[in-house]
Amino acid sequence: MHSYSQNMTIPSSCIQNVFGEFDKHIKLIEKTYHIAVVLRDDTLKIVGDEGNVNKAIEVINALVQIAKQGETVTEQNVMYAFSLNKSGEVHSLYELNHDENTICHTINGKPVKAKTLGQKKYIDAIDKNMIVFGVGPAGTGKTYLAMAKAITAFKNNEVNRIILTRPAIEAGEKLGFLPGDLQSKVDPYLRPLYDALYEIMGAESFLKNMEKGLIEVAPLAYMRGRTLDNAYIVLDEAQNTTPAQMKMFLTRIGFGSKAIITGDLSQKDLPKDAVSGLDVALKVLHDIEDISIIRLQSEDVVRHPLVQKIVNAYEKYEEKNNRITTSAKDKKSNEYSGNRNAKKDR
């Protein structure tokens, strides 16, 4: 039996946005905090355990602030508010939505900005450093935000050109079986970069700049032997580089350039025993000035909330497998040591 209840007033103009379509946001809050929410006019009555009622009020207040800023409240906002509430930082949610945090607008006028504190840290690092490594799981906005920063710098004449590159590694498929010439074969690997460019810049503007050579989308192998001055360079899917490729790329960067290297260490398509160039670079370069390493977490996933659950499930599975493998290796090592000692005793 719930004995604690509290009322809060919510602007009538924000109710629909905060509650979500078919009240899905408020139902999610009720389910997460085991509370009941009753709306009468512009007053919410929240009933439940005192601690949970207070947490729910903090989340709803944060969502109201987002709605007041004219933003559409999304399920990702609600899920991230739950995550921030655990560390008492739920107020940071609406601070992220301030207009000054907007990087640029898409061709449809949608603002591009950090949606999580991890993403904000990533963007701040890009502003301050010449080379930034953005490492984290799928859906954390690593590539998209890097592209947004590159396009903004290009439009503001901070750089003369944009170079976007990926290693054309075969993710379980063979390049040779794809139809067409070399460009046709590598284009599918570069498609996510094209998609982001079209969305932020518009197809017409992108194609015009590409024809002039001011925007280049190319496989990493094309970077060999070049010096890249006054350019914004984004290396995507860097976990699929070899150490030699990564070193080659990093030593191409010239004066007036900025490089962003993104990757997900849990999604390598390299041969089983091959070492990732991203792994090596993170170890070698971690304490060099003007190089920043930002590690985004599953909490920073901004795709459908189900993606966050998938990322977490895989992390737990891989962690468990690593423990089992390490345990088996230790057991084997102990058995080997035991056998050697037994032989010596004979």
Protein backbone atom coordinates (compact mmCIF):
# COMPACT_ATOMS: atom_id res chain seq x y z
CA MET A 1 0.00 0.00 0.00
CA HIS A 2 1.54 3.35 -1.13
CA SER A 3 1.21 6.02 1.52
CA TYR A 4 3.32 8.80 -0.02
CA SER A 5 2.11 11.16 -2.74
CA GLN A 6 3.22 14.48 -4.13
CA ASN A 7 1.73 16.97 -6.58
CA MET A 8 3.59 18.90 -9.25
CA THR A 9 2.37 21.45 -11.78
CA ILE A 10 3.26 21.02 -15.42
CA PRO A 11 2.63 23.66 -18.15
CA SER A 12 -0.36 22.58 -20.23
CA SER A 13 1.63 23.30 -23.43
CA CYS A 14 4.21 20.65 -22.40
CA ILE A 15 1.88 17.85 -21.25
CA GLN A 16 1.53 16.04 -24.56
CA ASN A 17 5.26 16.27 -25.31
CA VAL A 18 6.30 15.04 -21.84
CA PHE A 19 3.70 12.23 -21.74
CA GLY A 20 4.62 11.04 -25.24
CA GLU A 21 2.50 9.33 -27.87
CA PHE A 22 -0.13 7.11 -26.14
CA ASP A 23 1.44 8.26 -22.81
CA LYS A 24 4.44 5.99 -23.49
CA HIS A 25 6.97 8.20 -21.65
CA ILE A 26 4.90 8.51 -18.48
CA LYS A 27 4.14 4.76 -18.55
CA LEU A 28 7.87 4.08 -18.76
CA ILE A 29 8.47 6.35 -15.74
CA GLU A 30 5.68 4.57 -13.81
CA LYS A 31 7.11 1.16 -14.64
CA THR A 32 10.74 2.11 -13.83
CA TYR A 33 9.99 3.72 -10.45
CA HIS A 34 6.95 1.59 -9.50
CA ILE A 35 4.77 4.67 -9.07
CA ALA A 36 1.36 5.83 -10.30
CA VAL A 37 0.85 9.17 -12.06
CA VAL A 38 -2.57 10.82 -12.24
CA LEU A 39 -3.12 13.96 -14.35
CA ARG A 40 -5.85 16.48 -13.49
CA ASP A 41 -5.79 19.66 -15.59
CA ASP A 42 -2.14 20.76 -15.30
CA THR A 43 -1.40 19.00 -11.99
CA LEU A 44 0.30 15.63 -11.68
CA LYS A 45 -0.29 13.53 -8.58
CA ILE A 46 2.53 11.02 -8.13
CA VAL A 47 1.96 8.14 -5.72
CA GLY A 48 4.46 5.54 -4.53
CA ASP A 49 7.52 5.00 -2.36
CA GLU A 50 8.91 8.39 -1.24
CA GLY A 51 12.36 7.92 -2.77
CA ASN A 52 10.93 6.76 -6.10
CA VAL A 53 8.34 9.57 -6.19
CA ASN A 54 11.16 12.13 -5.76
CA LYS A 55 13.23 10.47 -8.52
CA ALA A 56 10.22 10.48 -10.85
CA ILE A 57 9.64 14.20 -10.16
CA GLU A 58 13.29 14.96 -11.03
CA VAL A 59 12.97 13.07 -14.33
CA ILE A 60 9.65 14.73 -15.23
CA ASN A 61 11.09 18.17 -14.40
CA ALA A 62 14.03 17.53 -16.74
CA LEU A 63 11.65 16.45 -19.52
CA VAL A 64 9.51 19.58 -18.96
CA GLN A 65 12.63 21.75 -19.42
CA ILE A 66 13.38 20.01 -22.73
CA ALA A 67 9.78 20.54 -23.85
CA LYS A 68 9.98 24.24 -22.86
CA GLN A 69 12.99 24.62 -25.15
CA GLY A 70 10.80 23.54 -28.07
CA GLU A 71 12.43 20.13 -28.43
CA THR A 72 10.51 16.90 -28.95
CA VAL A 73 10.95 14.64 -25.91
CA THR A 74 12.13 11.23 -27.11
CA GLU A 75 12.30 7.82 -25.48
CA GLN A 76 16.10 8.20 -25.54
CA ASN A 77 15.73 11.38 -23.41
CA VAL A 78 13.65 9.44 -20.88
CA MET A 79 16.06 6.48 -20.74
CA TYR A 80 19.07 8.78 -20.40
CA ALA A 81 17.29 10.72 -17.63
CA PHE A 82 16.98 7.42 -15.68
CA SER A 83 20.70 6.81 -16.16
CA LEU A 84 21.65 10.35 -15.03
CA ASN A 85 19.29 10.13 -12.05
CA LYS A 86 21.37 7.29 -10.59
CA SER A 87 24.34 9.66 -10.29
CA GLY A 88 22.24 12.70 -9.31
CA GLU A 89 23.01 14.52 -12.58
CA VAL A 90 19.55 14.57 -14.15
CA HIS A 91 19.66 18.40 -14.32
CA SER A 92 22.42 18.01 -16.96
CA LEU A 93 19.86 16.60 -19.40
CA TYR A 94 18.23 19.90 -20.23
CA GLU A 95 21.53 21.77 -20.11
CA LEU A 96 22.61 19.64 -23.09
CA ASN A 97 19.64 20.94 -25.07
CA HIS A 98 20.65 24.61 -24.86
CA ASP A 99 20.94 26.36 -28.24
CA GLU A 100 24.61 27.21 -27.67
CA ASN A 101 25.38 23.47 -27.79
CA THR A 102 24.11 23.20 -31.39
CA ILE A 103 26.92 22.25 -33.78
CA CYS A 104 24.95 22.80 -36.99
CA HIS A 105 21.58 22.06 -38.58
CA THR A 106 20.69 19.27 -41.00
CA ILE A 107 19.35 20.12 -44.46
CA ASN A 108 15.85 19.75 -42.92
CA GLY A 109 16.63 22.31 -40.21
CA LYS A 110 17.04 19.78 -37.38
CA PRO A 111 19.69 20.89 -34.83
CA VAL A 112 22.69 18.59 -34.37
CA LYS A 113 23.92 18.64 -30.78
CA ALA A 114 25.26 16.38 -28.03
CA LYS A 115 22.51 14.27 -26.46
CA THR A 116 24.59 12.82 -23.64
CA LEU A 117 27.38 14.04 -21.32
CA GLY A 118 29.78 11.61 -23.03
CA GLN A 119 28.98 13.16 -26.41
CA LYS A 120 29.43 16.68 -24.95
CA LYS A 121 32.87 15.65 -23.64
CA TYR A 122 33.70 14.28 -27.12
CA ILE A 123 32.67 17.53 -28.86
CA ASP A 124 34.62 19.65 -26.33
CA ALA A 125 37.71 17.47 -26.94
CA ILE A 126 37.36 18.00 -30.72
CA ASP A 127 37.26 21.78 -30.16
CA LYS A 128 40.41 21.75 -28.01
CA ASN A 129 42.68 19.11 -29.61
CA MET A 130 44.34 18.43 -32.96
CA ILE A 131 43.74 14.68 -32.83
CA VAL A 132 40.81 13.02 -31.06
CA PHE A 133 40.04 9.33 -30.67
CA GLY A 134 36.32 8.63 -30.18
CA VAL A 135 35.97 5.04 -29.01
CA GLY A 136 32.69 3.37 -28.09
CA PRO A 137 29.85 1.07 -29.08
CA ALA A 138 27.54 1.40 -32.06
CA GLY A 139 24.96 4.18 -31.87
CA THR A 140 26.94 6.60 -29.69
CA GLY A 141 27.16 9.21 -32.48
CA LYS A 142 30.96 8.99 -32.88
CA THR A 143 30.97 9.32 -36.68
CA TYR A 144 27.92 11.55 -37.06
CA LEU A 145 29.17 14.19 -34.60
CA ALA A 146 32.66 14.08 -36.16
CA MET A 147 31.08 14.70 -39.59
CA ALA A 148 28.96 17.56 -38.19
CA LYS A 149 32.09 19.21 -36.74
CA ALA A 150 33.99 18.69 -40.02
CA ILE A 151 31.20 20.23 -42.15
CA THR A 152 30.84 23.18 -39.75
CA ALA A 153 34.60 23.88 -39.84
CA PHE A 154 34.54 23.67 -43.65
CA LYS A 155 31.56 26.06 -43.95
CA ASN A 156 33.26 28.50 -41.55
CA ASN A 157 36.45 28.42 -43.71
CA GLU A 158 38.49 27.02 -40.80
CA VAL A 159 39.78 24.29 -43.18
CA ASN A 160 40.04 24.11 -46.97
CA ARG A 161 38.70 20.59 -47.37
CA ILE A 162 37.18 17.55 -45.71
CA ILE A 163 38.68 14.08 -46.06
CA LEU A 164 36.62 11.12 -44.88
CA THR A 165 38.14 7.68 -44.90
CA ARG A 166 37.58 4.09 -43.80
CA PRO A 167 39.62 0.91 -44.13
CA ALA A 168 37.87 -1.16 -46.86
CA ILE A 169 37.95 -4.30 -44.76
CA GLU A 170 35.78 -7.24 -45.76
CA ALA A 171 33.14 -7.75 -43.04
CA GLY A 172 32.53 -11.42 -43.80
CA GLU A 173 32.15 -10.66 -47.53
CA LYS A 174 34.61 -10.56 -50.40
CA LEU A 175 35.28 -7.35 -52.33
CA GLY A 176 36.10 -9.35 -55.46
CA PHE A 177 32.55 -10.67 -55.73
CA LEU A 178 31.02 -7.18 -55.77
CA PRO A 179 30.16 -5.86 -59.26
CA GLY A 180 31.80 -2.87 -60.96
CA ASP A 181 35.13 -1.05 -60.87
CA LEU A 182 37.21 -0.38 -57.74
CA GLN A 183 35.17 2.72 -56.76
CA SER A 184 31.93 0.71 -57.03
CA LYS A 185 33.46 -2.02 -54.89
CA VAL A 186 34.53 0.29 -52.06
CA ASP A 187 31.46 2.58 -52.11
CA PRO A 188 29.35 0.23 -49.92
CA TYR A 189 32.02 0.53 -47.19
CA LEU A 190 31.86 4.32 -47.37
CA ARG A 191 28.04 4.53 -47.56
CA PRO A 192 27.54 5.55 -43.87
CA LEU A 193 29.83 8.54 -44.49
CA TYR A 194 27.87 9.55 -47.60
CA ASP A 195 24.58 9.21 -45.67
CA ALA A 196 25.73 11.61 -42.95
CA LEU A 197 27.01 14.09 -45.55
CA TYR A 198 23.71 14.06 -47.44
CA GLU A 199 21.73 14.58 -44.23
CA ILE A 200 23.80 17.47 -42.90
CA MET A 201 25.00 19.12 -46.10
CA GLY A 202 22.46 18.13 -48.73
CA ALA A 203 23.23 16.04 -51.80
CA GLU A 204 23.61 19.01 -54.19
CA SER A 205 26.12 20.91 -52.03
CA PHE A 206 28.05 17.71 -51.29
CA LEU A 207 28.33 16.67 -54.96
CA LYS A 208 29.39 20.19 -56.00
CA ASN A 209 32.18 20.26 -53.39
CA MET A 210 33.18 16.70 -54.21
CA GLU A 211 33.58 17.56 -57.91
CA LYS A 212 35.87 20.46 -56.92
CA GLY A 213 37.94 18.06 -54.79
CA LEU A 214 37.07 19.96 -51.59
CA ILE A 215 35.36 16.92 -50.08
CA GLU A 216 36.92 13.52 -50.49
CA VAL A 217 35.48 10.18 -49.41
CA ALA A 218 38.04 7.45 -49.96
CA PRO A 219 39.39 4.14 -48.62
CA LEU A 220 42.29 4.48 -46.18
CA ALA A 221 44.77 2.98 -48.70
CA TYR A 222 44.39 6.18 -50.79
CA MET A 223 45.99 8.22 -47.99
CA ARG A 224 49.45 6.67 -48.43
CA GLY A 225 52.17 9.06 -49.57
CA ARG A 226 50.12 12.22 -49.01
CA THR A 227 50.47 15.14 -46.62
CA LEU A 228 47.12 16.51 -45.50
CA ASP A 229 47.39 20.25 -44.71
CA ASN A 230 44.45 22.55 -43.79
CA ALA A 231 42.04 19.63 -43.79
CA TYR A 232 39.46 18.11 -41.47
CA ILE A 233 40.12 14.38 -41.57
CA VAL A 234 37.78 11.72 -40.19
CA LEU A 235 38.99 8.11 -40.01
CA ASP A 236 35.99 5.89 -39.33
CA GLU A 237 35.92 2.19 -38.27
CA ALA A 238 39.52 2.56 -37.08
CA GLN A 239 39.35 -0.75 -35.18
CA ASN A 240 39.82 -2.40 -38.61
CA THR A 241 43.18 -0.75 -39.32
CA THR A 242 46.46 -2.58 -38.90
CA PRO A 243 49.13 -0.90 -36.70
CA ALA A 244 51.06 0.02 -39.89
CA GLN A 245 47.97 1.62 -41.49
CA MET A 246 47.21 3.61 -38.33
CA LYS A 247 50.81 4.88 -38.12
CA MET A 248 50.67 5.77 -41.83
CA PHE A 249 47.44 7.71 -41.32
CA LEU A 250 48.58 9.62 -38.22
CA THR A 251 51.83 10.67 -39.91
CA ARG A 252 49.91 12.16 -42.91
CA ILE A 253 48.42 14.94 -40.77
CA GLY A 254 49.88 18.34 -41.69
CA PHE A 255 49.65 21.96 -40.53
CA GLY A 256 46.23 23.46 -39.94
CA SER A 257 44.59 20.04 -39.91
CA LYS A 258 42.43 18.27 -37.39
CA ALA A 259 41.86 14.50 -37.28
CA ILE A 260 39.12 12.51 -35.61
CA ILE A 261 39.56 8.76 -35.36
CA THR A 262 36.46 6.75 -34.45
CA GLY A 263 36.07 3.07 -33.72
CA ASP A 264 34.34 0.32 -31.77
CA LEU A 265 36.82 -2.17 -30.29
CA SER A 266 34.08 -4.79 -29.91
CA GLN A 267 33.37 -4.91 -33.68
CA LYS A 268 36.65 -5.85 -35.34
CA ASP A 269 36.53 -7.44 -38.80
CA LEU A 270 40.27 -8.16 -38.89
CA PRO A 271 41.59 -11.74 -39.19
CA LYS A 272 41.32 -13.53 -35.84
CA ASP A 273 44.95 -13.18 -34.67
CA ALA A 274 45.58 -9.72 -36.20
CA VAL A 275 46.33 -6.77 -33.90
CA SER A 276 44.12 -3.68 -34.32
CA GLY A 277 45.89 -0.42 -35.13
CA LEU A 278 43.39 1.37 -32.90
CA ASP A 279 44.31 -0.83 -29.91
CA VAL A 280 48.00 -0.05 -30.40
CA ALA A 281 47.44 3.69 -30.94
CA LEU A 282 45.39 4.02 -27.72
CA LYS A 283 48.26 2.45 -25.75
CA VAL A 284 51.05 4.39 -27.48
CA LEU A 285 49.48 7.86 -27.64
CA HIS A 286 47.46 8.11 -24.41
CA ASP A 287 49.65 10.73 -22.72
CA ILE A 288 50.66 12.94 -25.66
CA GLU A 289 49.56 16.57 -25.43
CA ASP A 290 47.00 17.72 -28.04
CA ILE A 291 45.78 14.13 -28.49
CA SER A 292 42.57 13.30 -26.63
CA ILE A 293 41.00 9.88 -26.13
CA ILE A 294 37.26 9.87 -25.37
CA ARG A 295 35.62 6.59 -24.42
CA LEU A 296 31.87 6.59 -24.95
CA GLN A 297 29.77 4.06 -23.03
CA SER A 298 26.50 2.20 -23.59
CA GLU A 299 24.75 5.10 -21.74
CA ASP A 300 25.75 7.33 -24.68
CA VAL A 301 23.83 5.23 -27.25
CA VAL A 302 21.36 7.57 -28.93
CA ARG A 303 19.69 5.12 -31.30
CA HIS A 304 16.56 3.18 -30.35
CA PRO A 305 16.72 2.19 -26.62
CA LEU A 306 16.76 -1.45 -27.74
CA VAL A 307 20.24 -0.84 -29.22
CA GLN A 308 21.49 0.10 -25.73
CA LYS A 309 20.08 -3.16 -24.34
CA ILE A 310 21.76 -5.12 -27.16
CA VAL A 311 25.12 -3.40 -26.49
CA ASN A 312 24.83 -4.16 -22.75
CA ALA A 313 23.87 -7.80 -23.40
CA TYR A 314 26.88 -8.32 -25.69
CA GLU A 315 29.21 -6.61 -23.18
CA LYS A 316 28.05 -8.98 -20.43
CA TYR A 317 28.36 -12.01 -22.73
CA GLU A 318 31.89 -11.06 -23.85
CA GLU A 319 32.94 -10.30 -20.26
CA LYS A 320 31.70 -13.74 -19.15
CA ASN A 321 33.47 -15.45 -22.07
CA ASN A 322 36.72 -13.61 -21.28
CA ARG A 323 36.50 -14.76 -17.64
CA ILE A 324 35.94 -18.38 -18.72
CA THR A 325 38.84 -18.20 -21.25
CA THR A 326 41.20 -16.64 -18.66
CA SER A 327 40.20 -19.24 -16.08
CA ALA A 328 40.80 -22.09 -18.57
CA LYS A 329 44.23 -20.66 -19.49
CA ASP A 330 45.20 -20.34 -15.80
CA LYS A 331 44.08 -23.92 -15.16
CA LYS A 332 46.09 -25.19 -18.13
CA SER A 333 49.13 -23.17 -17.01
CA ASN A 334 48.88 -24.59 -13.46
CA GLU A 335 48.56 -28.13 -14.82
CA TYR A 336 51.62 -27.59 -17.03
CA SER A 337 53.62 -26.22 -14.07
CA GLY A 338 52.51 -29.17 -11.95
CA ASN A 339 53.60 -31.68 -14.61
CA ARG A 340 57.00 -29.99 -14.97
CA ASN A 341 57.58 -30.05 -11.22
CA ALA A 342 56.54 -33.72 -11.06
CA LYS A 343 59.11 -34.55 -13.79
CA LYS A 344 61.85 -32.68 -11.86
CA ASP A 345 61.06 -34.63 -8.69
CA ARG A 346 61.60 -37.89 -10.56
